[in-house]
Amino acid sequence: MGWLRKLLNTIRGDTMSAEDFYEIIDPRFGQLINGNGHVEKLATGFKWAEGPAWFGGGRYLVWSDIPNNRMMRYDETDGSTSVFRAPAGNANGNTVDRQGRLVTCEHGGRRVSRTEHDGTIVTLADRFEGKRLNSPNDVVVKSDNSIWFTDPTYGIDSDYEGNKAESEIGACNVYRIDPATLAVTVVITDMVRPNGLAFSLDETLLYVADTGATHVKGTPAAIRVYDVNGATVSNGRQFAVCDNGLFDGFRLDADGRIWSSAHDGVHCFAPDGTLIGKVKVPEGVANVAWGGEKFNVLYICGTSSLYAVRLMVNGARTY
């Protein structure tokens, strides 16, 4: 039937086909995509688009443009794009907490901040054991309202994504912020450059990408997975290896599959770690977020642009 679809596309003047947007590696992936659901470029002109976060109540997406030191806003209701905040502390990863507030990792501020409902920005964490954090990168909020974030050095390695400085901690770790006391504890210390992270649907597992290959030759371009034991984790092991570039940010769908950024687009993994398919994107992808009125739109932050694709699966809701 592929020839028939191409013929119909030609008659309609549409030369694009599903093969231009998707790579089906496992038949299971075919059930998740719509052949007519093309990858759309929604906005462009950014230096490094990152950290998308969806606000369902307003039907808009917020994301970071790190080197330009601003955060952007895409309005689904009218397709408009505008500046959400500038300057923005060279913001990187963003998420929405259980109370609907924006939580942001700031390279420039070397902190994790939260934007309250009235617009006030408060610091949640900027130090560990009295030493300044490196440059918080990505963040998730657990159902107990604890905040977990990664802290590589990308924002202090140069002035491009933040402010060049020496690491006071001397390591790149994953941390947890206690929701009641805001005490910061370290939960993972065995990664080279921890980056994107997400919990499994039942929160018994924590997935974390390691982009350490940018600094240490031979570091696997992998997502690692850890068993979650309340406020700690254990038994770290490899979940998946990237076959094109590095994994950065990722999110889960409602069935527990992982949709991860990579150099050639978005890679989809079954819960057992099997790569089942790819969404092709013409730029290297940094991060993704689920959104849309029915939570079945995957928003994709490419290098210089924001993309979206409507899929046949819904994202995992975390708030």
Protein backbone atom coordinates (compact mmCIF):
# COMPACT_ATOMS: atom_id res chain seq x y z
CA MET A 1 0.00 0.00 0.00
CA GLY A 2 3.03 2.29 0.18
CA TRP A 3 2.87 2.94 -3.59
CA LEU A 4 -0.80 3.94 -3.30
CA ARG A 5 -0.08 6.42 -0.51
CA LYS A 6 2.72 7.97 -2.57
CA LEU A 7 0.41 8.20 -5.58
CA LEU A 8 -2.28 9.96 -3.54
CA ASN A 9 0.32 12.30 -2.09
CA THR A 10 1.51 13.14 -5.61
CA ILE A 11 -2.06 13.84 -6.77
CA ARG A 12 -2.56 16.17 -3.81
CA GLY A 13 0.77 17.85 -4.49
CA ASP A 14 2.29 16.49 -1.27
CA THR A 15 5.61 14.81 -2.00
CA MET A 16 6.32 13.89 1.61
CA SER A 17 5.52 10.42 2.96
CA ALA A 18 5.68 8.68 6.33
CA GLU A 19 9.16 7.42 5.47
CA ASP A 20 10.38 11.01 5.45
CA PHE A 21 9.39 11.47 9.09
CA TYR A 22 9.68 8.05 10.74
CA GLU A 23 11.95 5.04 10.84
CA ILE A 24 10.14 1.89 11.91
CA ILE A 25 12.66 -0.52 13.44
CA ASP A 26 10.17 -2.74 15.25
CA PRO A 27 6.52 -3.29 14.16
CA ARG A 28 5.39 -2.02 17.56
CA PHE A 29 6.45 1.48 16.55
CA GLY A 30 4.08 1.48 13.60
CA GLN A 31 1.13 1.49 16.01
CA LEU A 32 2.36 4.70 17.63
CA ILE A 33 2.57 6.90 14.57
CA ASN A 34 0.13 8.33 12.07
CA GLY A 35 1.39 8.33 8.50
CA ASN A 36 -0.31 11.69 8.00
CA GLY A 37 1.14 13.12 11.23
CA HIS A 38 4.08 15.01 9.82
CA VAL A 39 6.82 16.65 11.86
CA GLU A 40 6.08 20.38 11.78
CA LYS A 41 8.49 23.24 12.36
CA LEU A 42 6.67 25.69 14.63
CA ALA A 43 9.35 28.31 15.26
CA THR A 44 13.02 28.91 14.46
CA GLY A 45 15.87 31.36 15.02
CA PHE A 46 17.31 30.03 18.28
CA LYS A 47 20.92 29.25 19.18
CA TRP A 48 20.27 26.19 21.36
CA ALA A 49 16.65 25.28 22.08
CA GLU A 50 16.20 23.18 25.24
CA GLY A 51 14.00 22.28 28.18
CA PRO A 52 10.38 22.35 26.91
CA ALA A 53 7.58 22.34 29.51
CA TRP A 54 3.84 22.26 28.80
CA PHE A 55 1.20 24.31 30.64
CA GLY A 56 -2.13 22.67 29.88
CA GLY A 57 -4.29 25.31 31.54
CA GLY A 58 -3.09 27.94 29.11
CA ARG A 59 -2.31 25.55 26.24
CA TYR A 60 1.20 26.91 25.81
CA LEU A 61 4.75 25.60 25.85
CA VAL A 62 7.74 27.24 27.51
CA TRP A 63 11.30 26.40 26.51
CA SER A 64 14.84 27.75 26.84
CA ASP A 65 17.14 29.38 24.30
CA ILE A 66 20.27 29.03 26.42
CA PRO A 67 22.96 31.11 24.66
CA ASN A 68 20.48 33.93 23.97
CA ASN A 69 19.68 33.98 27.71
CA ARG A 70 15.95 33.89 27.21
CA MET A 71 12.94 31.63 27.55
CA MET A 72 10.36 31.35 24.79
CA ARG A 73 6.62 30.71 24.72
CA TYR A 74 4.58 28.95 22.02
CA ASP A 75 0.80 29.45 22.15
CA GLU A 76 -1.06 26.43 20.76
CA THR A 77 -4.31 28.38 20.43
CA ASP A 78 -3.02 30.77 17.75
CA GLY A 79 0.42 29.43 16.79
CA SER A 80 2.25 32.51 18.00
CA THR A 81 5.74 32.55 19.51
CA SER A 82 6.96 35.19 21.95
CA VAL A 83 9.62 35.80 24.57
CA PHE A 84 8.50 34.42 27.90
CA ARG A 85 11.41 35.78 29.99
CA ALA A 86 14.65 37.63 29.28
CA PRO A 87 17.17 37.60 30.77
CA ALA A 88 16.56 34.09 32.10
CA GLY A 89 19.74 33.08 33.91
CA ASN A 90 20.77 31.02 30.86
CA ALA A 91 17.92 28.65 31.70
CA ASN A 92 18.20 25.06 30.48
CA GLY A 93 15.82 22.30 31.67
CA ASN A 94 12.28 23.10 32.80
CA THR A 95 9.38 21.18 34.24
CA VAL A 96 6.02 21.85 35.88
CA ASP A 97 5.51 20.77 39.48
CA ARG A 98 2.40 19.19 41.00
CA GLN A 99 1.03 22.64 41.82
CA GLY A 100 1.41 23.94 38.29
CA ARG A 101 4.51 26.05 38.92
CA LEU A 102 7.49 26.34 36.59
CA VAL A 103 10.70 24.77 37.91
CA THR A 104 13.86 25.77 36.04
CA CYS A 105 17.53 24.80 35.91
CA GLU A 106 19.65 27.92 35.43
CA HIS A 107 23.18 27.75 34.08
CA GLY A 108 23.91 31.41 34.69
CA GLY A 109 22.40 31.46 38.16
CA ARG A 110 23.88 28.03 38.96
CA ARG A 111 20.63 27.20 40.67
CA VAL A 112 17.27 25.48 40.51
CA SER A 113 14.52 28.07 40.70
CA ARG A 114 10.73 28.07 40.85
CA THR A 115 8.34 30.62 39.41
CA GLU A 116 5.41 31.11 41.74
CA HIS A 117 1.87 31.70 40.51
CA ASP A 118 2.30 35.45 41.04
CA GLY A 119 5.48 35.52 38.93
CA THR A 120 7.92 35.68 41.83
CA ILE A 121 11.08 33.64 41.23
CA VAL A 122 12.53 31.84 44.23
CA THR A 123 15.73 29.81 44.63
CA LEU A 124 15.18 26.17 45.55
CA ALA A 125 18.84 25.11 45.49
CA ASP A 126 22.14 26.75 44.58
CA ARG A 127 24.62 24.95 46.86
CA PHE A 128 25.53 21.52 48.13
CA GLU A 129 27.40 21.29 51.42
CA GLY A 130 28.22 25.00 51.18
CA LYS A 131 29.69 24.80 47.67
CA ARG A 132 28.07 26.33 44.61
CA LEU A 133 26.40 23.96 42.19
CA ASN A 134 27.98 23.59 38.75
CA SER A 135 25.12 24.41 36.36
CA PRO A 136 21.87 22.51 36.94
CA ASN A 137 20.76 20.98 33.65
CA ASP A 138 17.49 19.04 33.79
CA VAL A 139 14.84 18.52 36.46
CA VAL A 140 11.85 16.34 37.36
CA VAL A 141 9.37 16.43 40.24
CA LYS A 142 8.34 13.21 41.97
CA SER A 143 4.81 12.59 43.25
CA ASP A 144 5.97 13.31 46.82
CA ASN A 145 6.92 16.82 45.56
CA SER A 146 10.65 16.17 45.89
CA ILE A 147 12.71 17.72 43.08
CA TRP A 148 15.47 15.73 41.37
CA PHE A 149 18.03 17.41 39.09
CA THR A 150 21.28 16.80 37.25
CA ASP A 151 24.33 19.05 37.64
CA PRO A 152 26.99 18.72 34.92
CA THR A 153 29.43 21.54 34.12
CA TYR A 154 28.20 22.69 30.70
CA GLY A 155 27.14 26.10 32.00
CA ILE A 156 30.55 26.84 33.54
CA ASP A 157 32.77 25.21 30.90
CA SER A 158 32.63 28.42 28.83
CA ASP A 159 30.72 31.68 28.52
CA TYR A 160 28.53 30.30 25.72
CA GLU A 161 25.81 28.68 27.88
CA GLY A 162 26.49 30.50 31.13
CA ASN A 163 29.51 31.94 32.91
CA LYS A 164 32.91 30.28 32.77
CA ALA A 165 34.10 29.20 36.20
CA GLU A 166 35.77 26.39 38.10
CA SER A 167 33.66 23.68 39.67
CA GLU A 168 33.54 24.13 43.43
CA ILE A 169 32.14 20.64 43.98
CA GLY A 170 34.62 18.97 41.65
CA ALA A 171 32.09 16.39 40.43
CA CYS A 172 28.94 16.10 38.34
CA ASN A 173 26.12 14.50 40.32
CA VAL A 174 22.38 14.00 40.53
CA TYR A 175 20.66 15.62 43.51
CA ARG A 176 17.35 15.61 45.36
CA ILE A 177 15.68 18.61 46.99
CA ASP A 178 13.50 17.80 49.99
CA PRO A 179 10.06 19.42 49.45
CA ALA A 180 9.62 20.43 53.10
CA THR A 181 13.09 21.65 54.10
CA LEU A 182 14.72 22.30 50.69
CA ALA A 183 17.70 20.30 51.95
CA VAL A 184 19.85 19.08 49.05
CA THR A 185 21.18 15.51 49.09
CA VAL A 186 23.26 13.71 46.50
CA VAL A 187 21.69 10.58 44.99
CA ILE A 188 24.00 9.60 42.09
CA THR A 189 27.78 10.09 41.97
CA ASP A 190 28.91 7.51 39.39
CA MET A 191 28.15 9.38 36.17
CA VAL A 192 30.50 11.52 34.06
CA ARG A 193 28.01 14.16 32.90
CA PRO A 194 24.46 13.36 34.05
CA ASN A 195 21.96 15.12 31.81
CA GLY A 196 18.28 14.32 31.07
CA LEU A 197 16.30 12.33 33.63
CA ALA A 198 12.82 10.90 34.23
CA PHE A 199 11.02 8.48 36.54
CA SER A 200 9.23 5.36 35.39
CA LEU A 201 5.45 5.48 35.57
CA ASP A 202 5.37 3.84 39.03
CA GLU A 203 8.45 5.79 40.17
CA THR A 204 10.36 2.63 41.06
CA LEU A 205 13.02 3.46 38.46
CA LEU A 206 15.00 6.60 37.65
CA TYR A 207 16.42 6.95 34.13
CA VAL A 208 19.38 9.31 33.59
CA ALA A 209 21.27 10.12 30.40
CA ASP A 210 25.07 10.45 30.54
CA THR A 211 26.62 12.81 27.98
CA GLY A 212 30.10 12.33 29.40
CA ALA A 213 31.51 11.56 25.95
CA THR A 214 31.69 15.34 25.46
CA HIS A 215 34.49 15.39 28.05
CA VAL A 216 35.82 11.85 28.56
CA LYS A 217 36.63 9.71 25.55
CA GLY A 218 35.09 6.27 25.71
CA THR A 219 32.18 7.22 27.96
CA PRO A 220 29.13 5.28 26.69
CA ALA A 221 26.46 7.45 25.06
CA ALA A 222 23.83 5.82 27.20
CA ILE A 223 20.80 6.12 29.40
CA ARG A 224 21.34 4.47 32.76
CA VAL A 225 18.57 3.24 35.05
CA TYR A 226 18.53 3.04 38.84
CA ASP A 227 16.20 1.44 41.38
CA VAL A 228 14.45 4.07 43.49
CA ASN A 229 14.38 3.50 47.24
CA GLY A 230 12.43 6.42 48.62
CA ALA A 231 14.91 9.31 48.69
CA THR A 232 17.85 7.27 47.36
CA VAL A 233 18.71 5.07 44.38
CA SER A 234 20.78 1.93 43.87
CA ASN A 235 21.81 -0.73 41.35
CA GLY A 236 22.70 1.55 38.45
CA ARG A 237 22.98 -0.19 35.10
CA GLN A 238 22.85 0.55 31.39
CA PHE A 239 19.39 0.83 29.83
CA ALA A 240 20.10 1.87 26.24
CA VAL A 241 22.96 3.09 24.05
CA CYS A 242 22.56 5.85 21.46
CA ASP A 243 23.42 4.84 17.90
CA ASN A 244 23.57 8.41 16.61
CA GLY A 245 25.18 11.10 18.75
CA LEU A 246 24.23 11.42 22.41
CA PHE A 247 21.04 11.18 24.45
CA ASP A 248 20.08 14.42 26.15
CA GLY A 249 16.55 15.03 27.46
CA PHE A 250 13.71 12.52 27.26
CA ARG A 251 10.18 11.80 28.46
CA LEU A 252 7.94 8.74 28.88
CA ASP A 253 4.61 8.05 27.27
CA ALA A 254 1.56 6.66 29.07
CA ASP A 255 2.68 3.07 28.42
CA GLY A 256 6.19 3.52 29.78
CA ARG A 257 8.09 3.89 26.53
CA ILE A 258 10.98 6.38 26.47
CA TRP A 259 11.13 9.08 23.76
CA SER A 260 14.65 10.45 23.81
CA SER A 261 16.57 13.15 22.01
CA ALA A 262 19.44 12.13 19.72
CA HIS A 263 21.47 13.62 16.89
CA ASP A 264 19.15 12.36 14.14
CA GLY A 265 15.82 12.96 15.85
CA VAL A 266 13.82 11.30 18.62
CA HIS A 267 14.48 7.65 19.49
CA CYS A 268 11.65 5.57 20.97
CA PHE A 269 12.50 2.71 23.34
CA ALA A 270 10.23 0.00 24.67
CA PRO A 271 10.29 -0.40 28.48
CA ASP A 272 12.74 -3.30 28.06
CA GLY A 273 15.27 -1.01 26.35
CA THR A 274 14.61 -2.12 22.77
CA LEU A 275 14.89 0.65 20.17
CA ILE A 276 11.65 0.34 18.20
CA GLY A 277 11.64 3.46 16.04
CA LYS A 278 12.70 7.02 15.38
CA VAL A 279 11.04 10.32 14.63
CA LYS A 280 13.27 12.00 12.04
CA VAL A 281 14.15 15.64 12.69
CA PRO A 282 16.42 17.70 10.40
CA GLU A 283 18.45 19.04 13.35
CA GLY A 284 20.07 17.53 16.40
CA VAL A 285 17.47 17.22 19.17
CA ALA A 286 18.11 18.36 22.74
CA ASN A 287 14.86 17.62 24.56
CA VAL A 288 11.17 16.81 24.22
CA ALA A 289 7.89 17.33 26.10
CA TRP A 290 4.35 16.06 25.75
CA GLY A 291 1.56 18.55 25.33
CA GLY A 292 -1.45 19.52 23.31
CA GLU A 293 -5.12 19.49 24.27
CA LYS A 294 -5.15 15.66 24.37
CA PHE A 295 -1.51 15.30 25.50
CA ASN A 296 -0.63 13.44 22.30
CA VAL A 297 1.63 16.08 20.75
CA LEU A 298 5.36 15.58 21.16
CA TYR A 299 7.09 18.96 21.20
CA ILE A 300 10.71 18.71 20.10
CA CYS A 301 13.50 21.20 20.78
CA GLY A 302 15.96 20.96 17.89
CA THR A 303 19.15 22.95 17.72
CA SER A 304 17.69 26.13 16.28
CA SER A 305 13.99 25.32 16.05
CA LEU A 306 10.89 24.06 17.81
CA TYR A 307 9.10 21.12 16.18
CA ALA A 308 5.96 19.12 16.94
CA VAL A 309 4.44 15.84 15.85
CA ARG A 310 1.01 14.45 16.68
CA LEU A 311 1.21 10.77 17.65
CA MET A 312 -1.13 7.85 18.32
CA VAL A 313 -0.08 7.63 21.96
CA ASN A 314 -0.41 9.97 24.94
CA GLY A 315 2.35 11.26 27.14
CA ALA A 316 2.75 10.25 30.78
CA ARG A 317 1.19 12.90 32.99
CA THR A 318 3.33 13.97 35.92
CA TYR A 319 1.13 16.76 37.31
